[in-house]
Amino acid sequence: MKALVYHGPGKMAWEEKPTPTITKPTDAIVKILKTTICGTDLHIMKGDLPAVTNGRIIGHEGVGIVEEVGSAVSNYKKGDHVIISCITSCGKCEYCKRGMYSHCTDGGWILGNLIDGTQAEYVRIPYADNSLYPIPAGSDEEALVMLSDILPTGFECGVLNGKVQPGDTLAIVGAGPIGMAALLTAQFFTPSEIIVIDLDDNRLATAKKFGATHTINSSDGKAVEKVLALTNGKGVDTAIEAVGTPVTFGICEAIVAAGGHLANIGVHGKSVTLHMETLWSKNITLTTRLVDTITTPMLFKNVQSKKIEPKQLITHHFKLDEIVKAYDTFGNAAREKALKVILTA
């Protein structure tokens, strides 16, 4: 089969790899129909995640058709259409029983990280009964790709960890796909104001269409003072960091109000400065999280009923074998006006 293979920072190739096979009774082999590229994949390509080694097939999102199942798989059979979760869950370990699937002792975020992932013609899914979701006939499978990762990530790591409440003032720093997913799902809780901060005017205009009440271009270095002006000097009840850089984390630290929440989503490849000299007395809560995907079934229902429409995040389409070109488009989002790309086999 063909797959997108990581060969060290800045190096990738669409090349021939062995087709995966069943190695444990709980495995399934899935033929990829549609997949996408995540901001985390860009971090991998920069070398920010050293656990990803030379030769790894990357990618952790997608929908497909079950090609083969192991003898212990009871929920799926050959021919079933499925959503692939970015998180692998055994369902039995201590962490899984606590709903912390991201820290499953034999799973977690391993696809495209510690084992071969979804940017390929086929992928092996461990613990298939717990790590796949059935797709009803007639569903919009492009929209459901967004349920693999970005929707539950934006919701769980940003909105839920950030304790967004009705009437709150919310700032989202970063208007990429994850920030947009947080923007869409935050509206379940009717915050009174949603401020979106980014360097890209196109993404900010899109955020306004998706429900942001205010947008701020931070390229002039004045994002903090603009947020404070909008909030009468108080700051925001929740600041969501959705990029993963020292600058964006610093903005969140500076704009969170007393008693507020700073919810980190971004993947950080470098250290940040925690300004305890200003934060120690502010009664804030700082949270970090790797998505657990515990909200995927609820989000699935809302996507199916069109209460939330993640398909609007898709800006570009490519064939799967055009994936190197797709990476160039996604990696130059401002130039290409890109949010999510869909790759179709």
C-alpha atoms as a PDB file:
ATOM      1  CA  MET A   1       0.000   0.000   0.000  1.00  0.00           C
ATOM      2  CA  LYS A   2       0.979   3.687  -0.223  1.00  0.00           C
ATOM      3  CA  ALA A   3       1.359   5.853   2.890  1.00  0.00           C
ATOM      4  CA  LEU A   4       2.722   9.202   4.060  1.00  0.00           C
ATOM      5  CA  VAL A   5       5.913   8.380   5.969  1.00  0.00           C
ATOM      6  CA  TYR A   6       7.833  10.637   8.367  1.00  0.00           C
ATOM      7  CA  HIS A   7      11.609  10.604   7.926  1.00  0.00           C
ATOM      8  CA  GLY A   8      12.700  13.163  10.498  1.00  0.00           C
ATOM      9  CA  PRO A   9      12.041  16.903  10.894  1.00  0.00           C
ATOM     10  CA  GLY A  10      10.971  18.442   7.610  1.00  0.00           C
ATOM     11  CA  LYS A  11      11.156  15.144   5.720  1.00  0.00           C
ATOM     12  CA  MET A  12       8.191  13.125   4.446  1.00  0.00           C
ATOM     13  CA  ALA A  13       7.458  10.836   1.526  1.00  0.00           C
ATOM     14  CA  TRP A  14       4.423   9.192  -0.087  1.00  0.00           C
ATOM     15  CA  GLU A  15       5.851   5.740  -0.491  1.00  0.00           C
ATOM     16  CA  GLU A  16       5.200   2.013  -0.499  1.00  0.00           C
ATOM     17  CA  LYS A  17       4.741   0.328   2.891  1.00  0.00           C
ATOM     18  CA  PRO A  18       3.516  -3.152   3.882  1.00  0.00           C
ATOM     19  CA  THR A  19      -0.253  -3.410   4.220  1.00  0.00           C
ATOM     20  CA  PRO A  20      -1.060  -3.854   7.926  1.00  0.00           C
ATOM     21  CA  THR A  21      -2.323  -7.188   9.213  1.00  0.00           C
ATOM     22  CA  ILE A  22      -4.189  -8.373  12.301  1.00  0.00           C
ATOM     23  CA  THR A  23      -1.688  -8.820  15.132  1.00  0.00           C
ATOM     24  CA  LYS A  24      -4.068  -9.155  18.097  1.00  0.00           C
ATOM     25  CA  PRO A  25      -7.604 -10.570  18.307  1.00  0.00           C
ATOM     26  CA  THR A  26      -8.947  -7.105  19.221  1.00  0.00           C
ATOM     27  CA  ASP A  27      -7.576  -5.466  16.027  1.00  0.00           C
ATOM     28  CA  ALA A  28      -9.388  -4.326  12.922  1.00  0.00           C
ATOM     29  CA  ILE A  29      -7.932  -3.378   9.556  1.00  0.00           C
ATOM     30  CA  VAL A  30      -9.670  -0.336   8.051  1.00  0.00           C
ATOM     31  CA  LYS A  31      -9.463   0.810   4.444  1.00  0.00           C
ATOM     32  CA  ILE A  32      -9.219   4.604   4.508  1.00  0.00           C
ATOM     33  CA  LEU A  33     -11.914   6.489   2.600  1.00  0.00           C
ATOM     34  CA  LYS A  34     -11.225  10.000   3.869  1.00  0.00           C
ATOM     35  CA  THR A  35      -8.584  11.442   6.142  1.00  0.00           C
ATOM     36  CA  THR A  36      -7.133  14.839   7.007  1.00  0.00           C
ATOM     37  CA  ILE A  37      -4.086  16.624   8.391  1.00  0.00           C
ATOM     38  CA  CYS A  38      -3.956  17.881  11.973  1.00  0.00           C
ATOM     39  CA  GLY A  39      -1.987  20.761  13.443  1.00  0.00           C
ATOM     40  CA  THR A  40      -0.298  18.113  15.568  1.00  0.00           C
ATOM     41  CA  ASP A  41       1.008  16.525  12.373  1.00  0.00           C
ATOM     42  CA  LEU A  42       2.682  19.850  11.561  1.00  0.00           C
ATOM     43  CA  HIS A  43       4.272  19.792  15.024  1.00  0.00           C
ATOM     44  CA  ILE A  44       5.540  16.281  14.248  1.00  0.00           C
ATOM     45  CA  MET A  45       7.011  17.507  10.971  1.00  0.00           C
ATOM     46  CA  LYS A  46       8.844  20.267  12.852  1.00  0.00           C
ATOM     47  CA  GLY A  47      10.362  17.698  15.217  1.00  0.00           C
ATOM     48  CA  ASP A  48       8.352  18.844  18.242  1.00  0.00           C
ATOM     49  CA  LEU A  49       7.355  15.280  19.172  1.00  0.00           C
ATOM     50  CA  PRO A  50      10.548  13.200  19.451  1.00  0.00           C
ATOM     51  CA  ALA A  51       8.569  10.020  20.244  1.00  0.00           C
ATOM     52  CA  VAL A  52       7.633   9.906  16.541  1.00  0.00           C
ATOM     53  CA  THR A  53      10.473   8.026  14.884  1.00  0.00           C
ATOM     54  CA  ASN A  54      11.855   7.749  11.369  1.00  0.00           C
ATOM     55  CA  GLY A  55       9.658   5.512   9.217  1.00  0.00           C
ATOM     56  CA  ARG A  56       6.381   6.175  11.033  1.00  0.00           C
ATOM     57  CA  ILE A  57       3.163   6.522   9.034  1.00  0.00           C
ATOM     58  CA  ILE A  58       1.526   9.552  10.580  1.00  0.00           C
ATOM     59  CA  GLY A  59      -2.096  10.686  10.871  1.00  0.00           C
ATOM     60  CA  HIS A  60      -4.772   9.942  13.470  1.00  0.00           C
ATOM     61  CA  GLU A  61      -8.061  10.975  11.861  1.00  0.00           C
ATOM     62  CA  GLY A  62     -10.347   9.522   9.248  1.00  0.00           C
ATOM     63  CA  VAL A  63     -13.309   7.445   8.174  1.00  0.00           C
ATOM     64  CA  GLY A  64     -13.148   4.141   6.371  1.00  0.00           C
ATOM     65  CA  ILE A  65     -14.515   0.674   5.680  1.00  0.00           C
ATOM     66  CA  VAL A  66     -13.657  -2.298   7.863  1.00  0.00           C
ATOM     67  CA  GLU A  67     -11.590  -4.692   5.786  1.00  0.00           C
ATOM     68  CA  GLU A  68     -10.910  -7.397   8.398  1.00  0.00           C
ATOM     69  CA  VAL A  69     -11.491  -7.954  12.120  1.00  0.00           C
ATOM     70  CA  GLY A  70      -9.766 -10.028  14.755  1.00  0.00           C
ATOM     71  CA  SER A  71     -11.511 -12.927  16.459  1.00  0.00           C
ATOM     72  CA  ALA A  72     -12.321 -10.894  19.586  1.00  0.00           C
ATOM     73  CA  VAL A  73     -13.986  -7.975  17.755  1.00  0.00           C
ATOM     74  CA  SER A  74     -17.755  -8.200  18.210  1.00  0.00           C
ATOM     75  CA  ASN A  75     -19.095  -4.744  17.273  1.00  0.00           C
ATOM     76  CA  TYR A  76     -17.825  -4.570  13.685  1.00  0.00           C
ATOM     77  CA  LYS A  77     -17.611  -6.736  10.589  1.00  0.00           C
ATOM     78  CA  LYS A  78     -16.139  -6.483   7.106  1.00  0.00           C
ATOM     79  CA  GLY A  79     -17.855  -3.757   5.098  1.00  0.00           C
ATOM     80  CA  ASP A  80     -18.915  -1.557   8.024  1.00  0.00           C
ATOM     81  CA  HIS A  81     -18.316   2.183   7.625  1.00  0.00           C
ATOM     82  CA  VAL A  82     -16.602   3.647  10.685  1.00  0.00           C
ATOM     83  CA  ILE A  83     -15.134   6.770  12.242  1.00  0.00           C
ATOM     84  CA  ILE A  84     -11.588   6.235  13.510  1.00  0.00           C
ATOM     85  CA  SER A  85     -10.978   7.821  16.898  1.00  0.00           C
ATOM     86  CA  CYS A  86      -7.646   9.561  17.380  1.00  0.00           C
ATOM     87  CA  ILE A  87      -7.504   7.868  20.807  1.00  0.00           C
ATOM     88  CA  THR A  88      -7.129   4.104  21.242  1.00  0.00           C
ATOM     89  CA  SER A  89      -8.892   2.690  24.294  1.00  0.00           C
ATOM     90  CA  CYS A  90      -8.748  -0.811  25.763  1.00  0.00           C
ATOM     91  CA  GLY A  91     -11.775   0.027  27.928  1.00  0.00           C
ATOM     92  CA  LYS A  92     -10.514  -2.078  30.833  1.00  0.00           C
ATOM     93  CA  CYS A  93      -7.489  -0.432  32.448  1.00  0.00           C
ATOM     94  CA  GLU A  94      -7.532   1.940  35.407  1.00  0.00           C
ATOM     95  CA  TYR A  95      -7.386   5.047  33.253  1.00  0.00           C
ATOM     96  CA  CYS A  96     -10.088   3.888  30.841  1.00  0.00           C
ATOM     97  CA  LYS A  97     -12.390   3.136  33.764  1.00  0.00           C
ATOM     98  CA  ARG A  98     -11.840   6.740  34.892  1.00  0.00           C
ATOM     99  CA  GLY A  99     -12.756   8.019  31.421  1.00  0.00           C
ATOM    100  CA  MET A 100      -9.136   9.038  30.758  1.00  0.00           C
ATOM    101  CA  TYR A 101      -8.864   7.123  27.504  1.00  0.00           C
ATOM    102  CA  SER A 102      -5.956   9.337  26.456  1.00  0.00           C
ATOM    103  CA  HIS A 103      -3.859   7.588  29.108  1.00  0.00           C
ATOM    104  CA  CYS A 104      -4.985   4.030  28.386  1.00  0.00           C
ATOM    105  CA  THR A 105      -2.109   1.823  29.520  1.00  0.00           C
ATOM    106  CA  ASP A 106      -2.097   0.010  26.161  1.00  0.00           C
ATOM    107  CA  GLY A 107      -3.411   2.811  23.993  1.00  0.00           C
ATOM    108  CA  GLY A 108      -4.055   6.533  24.258  1.00  0.00           C
ATOM    109  CA  TRP A 109      -2.763   8.699  21.441  1.00  0.00           C
ATOM    110  CA  ILE A 110      -0.714   6.093  19.625  1.00  0.00           C
ATOM    111  CA  LEU A 111      -2.034   6.340  16.042  1.00  0.00           C
ATOM    112  CA  GLY A 112       0.470   8.200  13.921  1.00  0.00           C
ATOM    113  CA  ASN A 113       2.599   8.645  17.022  1.00  0.00           C
ATOM    114  CA  LEU A 114       3.790   5.341  18.472  1.00  0.00           C
ATOM    115  CA  ILE A 115       2.187   3.098  15.827  1.00  0.00           C
ATOM    116  CA  ASP A 116       1.406   3.641  12.157  1.00  0.00           C
ATOM    117  CA  GLY A 117      -1.486   5.996  11.469  1.00  0.00           C
ATOM    118  CA  THR A 118      -4.238   6.924   9.058  1.00  0.00           C
ATOM    119  CA  GLN A 119      -2.524   8.856   6.267  1.00  0.00           C
ATOM    120  CA  ALA A 120      -2.352   5.653   4.292  1.00  0.00           C
ATOM    121  CA  GLU A 121      -4.519   3.355   2.214  1.00  0.00           C
ATOM    122  CA  TYR A 122      -5.035   0.995   5.185  1.00  0.00           C
ATOM    123  CA  VAL A 123      -4.570   1.248   8.945  1.00  0.00           C
ATOM    124  CA  ARG A 124      -4.581  -1.230  11.827  1.00  0.00           C
ATOM    125  CA  ILE A 125      -6.832  -0.153  14.696  1.00  0.00           C
ATOM    126  CA  PRO A 126      -6.118  -1.792  18.086  1.00  0.00           C
ATOM    127  CA  TYR A 127      -9.058  -2.357  20.428  1.00  0.00           C
ATOM    128  CA  ALA A 128     -11.432  -1.794  17.546  1.00  0.00           C
ATOM    129  CA  ASP A 129     -14.608  -2.269  19.581  1.00  0.00           C
ATOM    130  CA  ASN A 130     -13.709   0.759  21.718  1.00  0.00           C
ATOM    131  CA  SER A 131     -11.754   2.833  19.187  1.00  0.00           C
ATOM    132  CA  LEU A 132     -14.154   2.955  16.235  1.00  0.00           C
ATOM    133  CA  TYR A 133     -17.638   4.438  15.858  1.00  0.00           C
ATOM    134  CA  PRO A 134     -20.272   3.139  13.411  1.00  0.00           C
ATOM    135  CA  ILE A 135     -21.451   5.430  10.614  1.00  0.00           C
ATOM    136  CA  PRO A 136     -25.135   5.124   9.696  1.00  0.00           C
ATOM    137  CA  ALA A 137     -25.972   4.807   6.001  1.00  0.00           C
ATOM    138  CA  GLY A 138     -26.450   8.135   4.256  1.00  0.00           C
ATOM    139  CA  SER A 139     -24.269  10.132   6.671  1.00  0.00           C
ATOM    140  CA  ASP A 140     -22.010  12.926   5.480  1.00  0.00           C
ATOM    141  CA  GLU A 141     -18.681  11.213   5.993  1.00  0.00           C
ATOM    142  CA  GLU A 142     -16.627  14.348   5.314  1.00  0.00           C
ATOM    143  CA  ALA A 143     -18.273  16.057   8.264  1.00  0.00           C
ATOM    144  CA  LEU A 144     -17.698  12.992  10.431  1.00  0.00           C
ATOM    145  CA  VAL A 145     -13.931  13.142   9.863  1.00  0.00           C
ATOM    146  CA  MET A 146     -14.066  16.151  12.191  1.00  0.00           C
ATOM    147  CA  LEU A 147     -15.227  13.814  14.969  1.00  0.00           C
ATOM    148  CA  SER A 148     -11.975  11.864  14.886  1.00  0.00           C
ATOM    149  CA  ASP A 149     -10.123  14.601  16.734  1.00  0.00           C
ATOM    150  CA  ILE A 150     -10.749  18.328  16.392  1.00  0.00           C
ATOM    151  CA  LEU A 151     -14.345  18.542  17.649  1.00  0.00           C
ATOM    152  CA  PRO A 152     -13.830  16.504  20.831  1.00  0.00           C
ATOM    153  CA  THR A 153     -10.413  18.125  21.356  1.00  0.00           C
ATOM    154  CA  GLY A 154     -11.725  21.681  21.104  1.00  0.00           C
ATOM    155  CA  PHE A 155     -14.695  20.794  23.274  1.00  0.00           C
ATOM    156  CA  GLU A 156     -13.030  18.698  25.982  1.00  0.00           C
ATOM    157  CA  CYS A 157      -9.642  20.393  26.295  1.00  0.00           C
ATOM    158  CA  GLY A 158     -10.913  23.915  25.704  1.00  0.00           C
ATOM    159  CA  VAL A 159     -14.583  24.377  26.499  1.00  0.00           C
ATOM    160  CA  LEU A 160     -15.110  21.770  29.231  1.00  0.00           C
ATOM    161  CA  ASN A 161     -11.729  22.263  30.909  1.00  0.00           C
ATOM    162  CA  GLY A 162     -12.250  26.011  30.615  1.00  0.00           C
ATOM    163  CA  LYS A 163     -15.571  25.714  32.479  1.00  0.00           C
ATOM    164  CA  VAL A 164     -17.372  27.967  30.012  1.00  0.00           C
ATOM    165  CA  GLN A 165     -20.706  29.066  31.475  1.00  0.00           C
ATOM    166  CA  PRO A 166     -23.743  31.019  30.203  1.00  0.00           C
ATOM    167  CA  GLY A 167     -22.963  34.717  30.136  1.00  0.00           C
ATOM    168  CA  ASP A 168     -19.188  34.264  30.381  1.00  0.00           C
ATOM    169  CA  THR A 169     -16.617  36.171  28.393  1.00  0.00           C
ATOM    170  CA  LEU A 170     -14.400  33.787  26.442  1.00  0.00           C
ATOM    171  CA  ALA A 171     -11.209  34.384  24.472  1.00  0.00           C
ATOM    172  CA  ILE A 172      -9.787  31.817  22.055  1.00  0.00           C
ATOM    173  CA  VAL A 173      -6.184  32.452  21.099  1.00  0.00           C
ATOM    174  CA  GLY A 174      -5.662  30.746  17.763  1.00  0.00           C
ATOM    175  CA  ALA A 175      -8.199  30.513  14.935  1.00  0.00           C
ATOM    176  CA  GLY A 176      -6.930  27.303  13.370  1.00  0.00           C
ATOM    177  CA  PRO A 177      -9.132  24.201  13.164  1.00  0.00           C
ATOM    178  CA  ILE A 178      -8.841  23.410  16.891  1.00  0.00           C
ATOM    179  CA  GLY A 179      -9.629  26.981  17.886  1.00  0.00           C
ATOM    180  CA  MET A 180     -12.582  26.974  15.500  1.00  0.00           C
ATOM    181  CA  ALA A 181     -13.806  23.688  16.985  1.00  0.00           C
ATOM    182  CA  ALA A 182     -13.684  25.317  20.424  1.00  0.00           C
ATOM    183  CA  LEU A 183     -15.574  28.302  19.012  1.00  0.00           C
ATOM    184  CA  LEU A 184     -18.336  26.121  17.560  1.00  0.00           C
ATOM    185  CA  THR A 185     -18.776  23.950  20.645  1.00  0.00           C
ATOM    186  CA  ALA A 186     -18.481  26.798  23.181  1.00  0.00           C
ATOM    187  CA  GLN A 187     -21.781  28.069  21.853  1.00  0.00           C
ATOM    188  CA  PHE A 188     -23.527  25.091  23.509  1.00  0.00           C
ATOM    189  CA  PHE A 189     -23.064  27.116  26.739  1.00  0.00           C
ATOM    190  CA  THR A 190     -24.116  30.559  25.396  1.00  0.00           C
ATOM    191  CA  PRO A 191     -21.192  32.730  26.524  1.00  0.00           C
ATOM    192  CA  SER A 192     -22.046  36.413  26.197  1.00  0.00           C
ATOM    193  CA  GLU A 193     -18.864  37.287  24.323  1.00  0.00           C
ATOM    194  CA  ILE A 194     -16.397  35.216  22.330  1.00  0.00           C
ATOM    195  CA  ILE A 195     -13.179  36.987  21.384  1.00  0.00           C
ATOM    196  CA  VAL A 196     -11.005  35.220  18.809  1.00  0.00           C
ATOM    197  CA  ILE A 197      -7.348  36.240  18.439  1.00  0.00           C
ATOM    198  CA  ASP A 198      -5.093  35.307  15.525  1.00  0.00           C
ATOM    199  CA  LEU A 199      -2.534  36.671  13.052  1.00  0.00           C
ATOM    200  CA  ASP A 200      -4.589  35.742   9.972  1.00  0.00           C
ATOM    201  CA  ASP A 201      -7.348  38.132   8.878  1.00  0.00           C
ATOM    202  CA  ASN A 202      -8.993  35.448   6.738  1.00  0.00           C
ATOM    203  CA  ARG A 203      -9.317  33.095   9.693  1.00  0.00           C
ATOM    204  CA  LEU A 204     -10.616  35.939  11.844  1.00  0.00           C
ATOM    205  CA  ALA A 205     -13.280  36.736   9.253  1.00  0.00           C
ATOM    206  CA  THR A 206     -14.258  33.065   9.250  1.00  0.00           C
ATOM    207  CA  ALA A 207     -14.419  33.082  13.056  1.00  0.00           C
ATOM    208  CA  LYS A 208     -16.864  35.980  12.874  1.00  0.00           C
ATOM    209  CA  LYS A 209     -19.085  33.921  10.553  1.00  0.00           C
ATOM    210  CA  PHE A 210     -18.886  30.995  12.990  1.00  0.00           C
ATOM    211  CA  GLY A 211     -20.090  33.030  15.979  1.00  0.00           C
ATOM    212  CA  ALA A 212     -17.239  35.138  17.355  1.00  0.00           C
ATOM    213  CA  THR A 213     -18.512  38.450  18.748  1.00  0.00           C
ATOM    214  CA  HIS A 214     -15.102  40.142  18.478  1.00  0.00           C
ATOM    215  CA  THR A 215     -11.906  39.384  16.570  1.00  0.00           C
ATOM    216  CA  ILE A 216      -8.416  40.720  17.179  1.00  0.00           C
ATOM    217  CA  ASN A 217      -5.403  40.527  14.874  1.00  0.00           C
ATOM    218  CA  SER A 218      -2.443  40.134  17.228  1.00  0.00           C
ATOM    219  CA  SER A 219       0.267  40.994  14.695  1.00  0.00           C
ATOM    220  CA  ASP A 220       0.741  44.467  16.224  1.00  0.00           C
ATOM    221  CA  GLY A 221       1.556  43.025  19.656  1.00  0.00           C
ATOM    222  CA  LYS A 222      -1.420  44.769  21.252  1.00  0.00           C
ATOM    223  CA  ALA A 223      -3.812  41.854  21.696  1.00  0.00           C
ATOM    224  CA  VAL A 224      -3.665  42.008  25.497  1.00  0.00           C
ATOM    225  CA  GLU A 225      -4.529  45.683  25.758  1.00  0.00           C
ATOM    226  CA  LYS A 226      -7.341  45.252  23.206  1.00  0.00           C
ATOM    227  CA  VAL A 227      -8.878  42.409  25.222  1.00  0.00           C
ATOM    228  CA  LEU A 228      -8.610  44.417  28.428  1.00  0.00           C
ATOM    229  CA  ALA A 229     -10.283  47.379  26.696  1.00  0.00           C
ATOM    230  CA  LEU A 230     -13.160  45.130  25.587  1.00  0.00           C
ATOM    231  CA  THR A 231     -13.609  43.792  29.140  1.00  0.00           C
ATOM    232  CA  ASN A 232     -13.312  47.056  31.100  1.00  0.00           C
ATOM    233  CA  GLY A 233      -9.884  46.022  32.324  1.00  0.00           C
ATOM    234  CA  LYS A 234     -11.080  42.782  33.949  1.00  0.00           C
ATOM    235  CA  GLY A 235      -9.970  40.190  31.410  1.00  0.00           C
ATOM    236  CA  VAL A 236     -11.899  37.118  30.342  1.00  0.00           C
ATOM    237  CA  ASP A 237     -13.555  34.377  32.356  1.00  0.00           C
ATOM    238  CA  THR A 238     -11.959  31.725  30.145  1.00  0.00           C
ATOM    239  CA  ALA A 239      -8.880  31.959  27.951  1.00  0.00           C
ATOM    240  CA  ILE A 240      -8.322  29.011  25.594  1.00  0.00           C
ATOM    241  CA  GLU A 241      -4.802  28.533  24.206  1.00  0.00           C
ATOM    242  CA  ALA A 242      -5.182  26.817  20.835  1.00  0.00           C
ATOM    243  CA  VAL A 243      -1.781  27.228  19.172  1.00  0.00           C
ATOM    244  CA  GLY A 244       1.058  25.915  21.348  1.00  0.00           C
ATOM    245  CA  THR A 245       3.651  28.721  21.401  1.00  0.00           C
ATOM    246  CA  PRO A 246       5.166  30.821  24.202  1.00  0.00           C
ATOM    247  CA  VAL A 247       3.633  33.983  22.707  1.00  0.00           C
ATOM    248  CA  THR A 248       0.064  32.680  22.597  1.00  0.00           C
ATOM    249  CA  PHE A 249       0.337  31.130  26.053  1.00  0.00           C
ATOM    250  CA  GLY A 250       1.619  34.462  27.347  1.00  0.00           C
ATOM    251  CA  ILE A 251      -1.384  36.261  25.894  1.00  0.00           C
ATOM    252  CA  CYS A 252      -3.691  33.866  27.725  1.00  0.00           C
ATOM    253  CA  GLU A 253      -1.867  34.448  31.021  1.00  0.00           C
ATOM    254  CA  ALA A 254      -2.221  38.200  30.615  1.00  0.00           C
ATOM    255  CA  ILE A 255      -5.930  38.265  29.741  1.00  0.00           C
ATOM    256  CA  VAL A 256      -7.447  35.743  32.162  1.00  0.00           C
ATOM    257  CA  ALA A 257      -9.550  37.456  34.831  1.00  0.00           C
ATOM    258  CA  ALA A 258      -9.418  36.867  38.556  1.00  0.00           C
ATOM    259  CA  GLY A 259     -11.221  33.608  39.269  1.00  0.00           C
ATOM    260  CA  GLY A 260     -10.956  32.625  35.624  1.00  0.00           C
ATOM    261  CA  HIS A 261      -9.737  29.580  33.726  1.00  0.00           C
ATOM    262  CA  LEU A 262      -6.809  29.174  31.361  1.00  0.00           C
ATOM    263  CA  ALA A 263      -7.393  26.037  29.299  1.00  0.00           C
ATOM    264  CA  ASN A 264      -4.442  24.864  27.219  1.00  0.00           C
ATOM    265  CA  ILE A 265      -5.114  22.880  24.046  1.00  0.00           C
ATOM    266  CA  GLY A 266      -2.005  23.686  22.006  1.00  0.00           C
ATOM    267  CA  VAL A 267       0.820  21.200  21.483  1.00  0.00           C
ATOM    268  CA  HIS A 268       3.915  22.856  22.943  1.00  0.00           C
ATOM    269  CA  GLY A 269       7.311  22.057  21.486  1.00  0.00           C
ATOM    270  CA  LYS A 270       9.082  24.702  23.581  1.00  0.00           C
ATOM    271  CA  SER A 271       8.956  25.771  27.210  1.00  0.00           C
ATOM    272  CA  VAL A 272       6.695  28.638  28.222  1.00  0.00           C
ATOM    273  CA  THR A 273       7.096  31.084  31.086  1.00  0.00           C
ATOM    274  CA  LEU A 274       4.547  30.702  33.848  1.00  0.00           C
ATOM    275  CA  HIS A 275       4.185  34.189  35.298  1.00  0.00           C
ATOM    276  CA  MET A 276       3.445  33.219  38.877  1.00  0.00           C
ATOM    277  CA  GLU A 277       4.507  36.689  40.029  1.00  0.00           C
ATOM    278  CA  THR A 278       1.236  37.987  38.561  1.00  0.00           C
ATOM    279  CA  LEU A 279      -0.919  34.852  38.679  1.00  0.00           C
ATOM    280  CA  TRP A 280      -0.355  33.641  42.248  1.00  0.00           C
ATOM    281  CA  SER A 281      -3.070  35.838  43.751  1.00  0.00           C
ATOM    282  CA  LYS A 282      -5.662  35.735  40.954  1.00  0.00           C
ATOM    283  CA  ASN A 283      -7.471  32.503  41.898  1.00  0.00           C
ATOM    284  CA  ILE A 284      -7.154  31.183  38.363  1.00  0.00           C
ATOM    285  CA  THR A 285      -7.295  27.560  37.259  1.00  0.00           C
ATOM    286  CA  LEU A 286      -4.790  26.356  34.663  1.00  0.00           C
ATOM    287  CA  THR A 287      -5.645  23.104  32.900  1.00  0.00           C
ATOM    288  CA  THR A 288      -3.896  20.872  30.396  1.00  0.00           C
ATOM    289  CA  ARG A 289      -5.378  17.857  28.670  1.00  0.00           C
ATOM    290  CA  LEU A 290      -4.950  15.338  25.931  1.00  0.00           C
ATOM    291  CA  VAL A 291      -8.348  14.630  24.412  1.00  0.00           C
ATOM    292  CA  ASP A 292     -10.128  11.593  25.842  1.00  0.00           C
ATOM    293  CA  THR A 293     -12.902  11.470  23.193  1.00  0.00           C
ATOM    294  CA  ILE A 294     -15.491  10.740  25.886  1.00  0.00           C
ATOM    295  CA  THR A 295     -17.792  13.333  24.288  1.00  0.00           C
ATOM    296  CA  THR A 296     -17.627  11.864  20.775  1.00  0.00           C
ATOM    297  CA  PRO A 297     -21.023  10.086  21.012  1.00  0.00           C
ATOM    298  CA  MET A 298     -22.738  13.314  22.148  1.00  0.00           C
ATOM    299  CA  LEU A 299     -21.004  15.372  19.461  1.00  0.00           C
ATOM    300  CA  PHE A 300     -21.930  12.730  16.882  1.00  0.00           C
ATOM    301  CA  LYS A 301     -25.627  13.213  17.696  1.00  0.00           C
ATOM    302  CA  ASN A 302     -25.293  16.973  17.362  1.00  0.00           C
ATOM    303  CA  VAL A 303     -23.529  16.671  14.020  1.00  0.00           C
ATOM    304  CA  GLN A 304     -26.162  14.258  12.719  1.00  0.00           C
ATOM    305  CA  SER A 305     -28.972  16.604  13.802  1.00  0.00           C
ATOM    306  CA  LYS A 306     -27.103  19.599  12.315  1.00  0.00           C
ATOM    307  CA  LYS A 307     -27.039  21.415  15.644  1.00  0.00           C
ATOM    308  CA  ILE A 308     -23.355  21.810  14.868  1.00  0.00           C
ATOM    309  CA  GLU A 309     -21.927  21.753  11.344  1.00  0.00           C
ATOM    310  CA  PRO A 310     -18.212  20.960  11.309  1.00  0.00           C
ATOM    311  CA  LYS A 311     -18.203  20.560   7.531  1.00  0.00           C
ATOM    312  CA  GLN A 312     -17.925  24.331   7.302  1.00  0.00           C
ATOM    313  CA  LEU A 313     -14.351  23.950   8.584  1.00  0.00           C
ATOM    314  CA  ILE A 314     -13.341  22.160   5.356  1.00  0.00           C
ATOM    315  CA  THR A 315     -11.704  24.486   2.842  1.00  0.00           C
ATOM    316  CA  HIS A 316      -9.688  22.216   0.536  1.00  0.00           C
ATOM    317  CA  HIS A 317     -10.017  18.779  -1.059  1.00  0.00           C
ATOM    318  CA  PHE A 318      -7.258  16.519  -2.380  1.00  0.00           C
ATOM    319  CA  LYS A 319      -6.826  12.953  -3.516  1.00  0.00           C
ATOM    320  CA  LEU A 320      -4.995  10.846  -0.952  1.00  0.00           C
ATOM    321  CA  ASP A 321      -1.980  10.506  -3.247  1.00  0.00           C
ATOM    322  CA  GLU A 322      -1.754  14.334  -3.343  1.00  0.00           C
ATOM    323  CA  ILE A 323      -0.994  14.419   0.372  1.00  0.00           C
ATOM    324  CA  VAL A 324       2.416  16.100   0.047  1.00  0.00           C
ATOM    325  CA  LYS A 325       0.725  18.952  -1.822  1.00  0.00           C
ATOM    326  CA  ALA A 326      -1.989  19.005   0.862  1.00  0.00           C
ATOM    327  CA  TYR A 327       0.678  19.410   3.560  1.00  0.00           C
ATOM    328  CA  ASP A 328       2.072  22.415   1.707  1.00  0.00           C
ATOM    329  CA  THR A 329      -1.405  23.945   1.540  1.00  0.00           C
ATOM    330  CA  PHE A 330      -2.213  23.251   5.192  1.00  0.00           C
ATOM    331  CA  GLY A 331       1.214  24.354   6.369  1.00  0.00           C
ATOM    332  CA  ASN A 332       0.788  27.682   4.563  1.00  0.00           C
ATOM    333  CA  ALA A 333      -2.715  28.321   5.829  1.00  0.00           C
ATOM    334  CA  ALA A 334      -2.599  32.117   5.616  1.00  0.00           C
ATOM    335  CA  ARG A 335      -1.380  32.068   2.015  1.00  0.00           C
ATOM    336  CA  GLU A 336      -3.857  29.374   0.963  1.00  0.00           C
ATOM    337  CA  LYS A 337      -6.773  30.468   3.199  1.00  0.00           C
ATOM    338  CA  ALA A 338      -6.884  26.932   4.550  1.00  0.00           C
ATOM    339  CA  LEU A 339      -8.605  25.430   7.576  1.00  0.00           C
ATOM    340  CA  LYS A 340      -9.264  21.701   7.272  1.00  0.00           C
ATOM    341  CA  VAL A 341      -8.257  19.689   4.213  1.00  0.00           C
ATOM    342  CA  ILE A 342      -9.964  16.451   3.211  1.00  0.00           C
ATOM    343  CA  LEU A 343      -8.000  13.707   1.484  1.00  0.00           C
ATOM    344  CA  THR A 344     -10.099  11.139  -0.389  1.00  0.00           C
ATOM    345  CA  ALA A 345      -8.816   7.713  -1.368  1.00  0.00           C
END
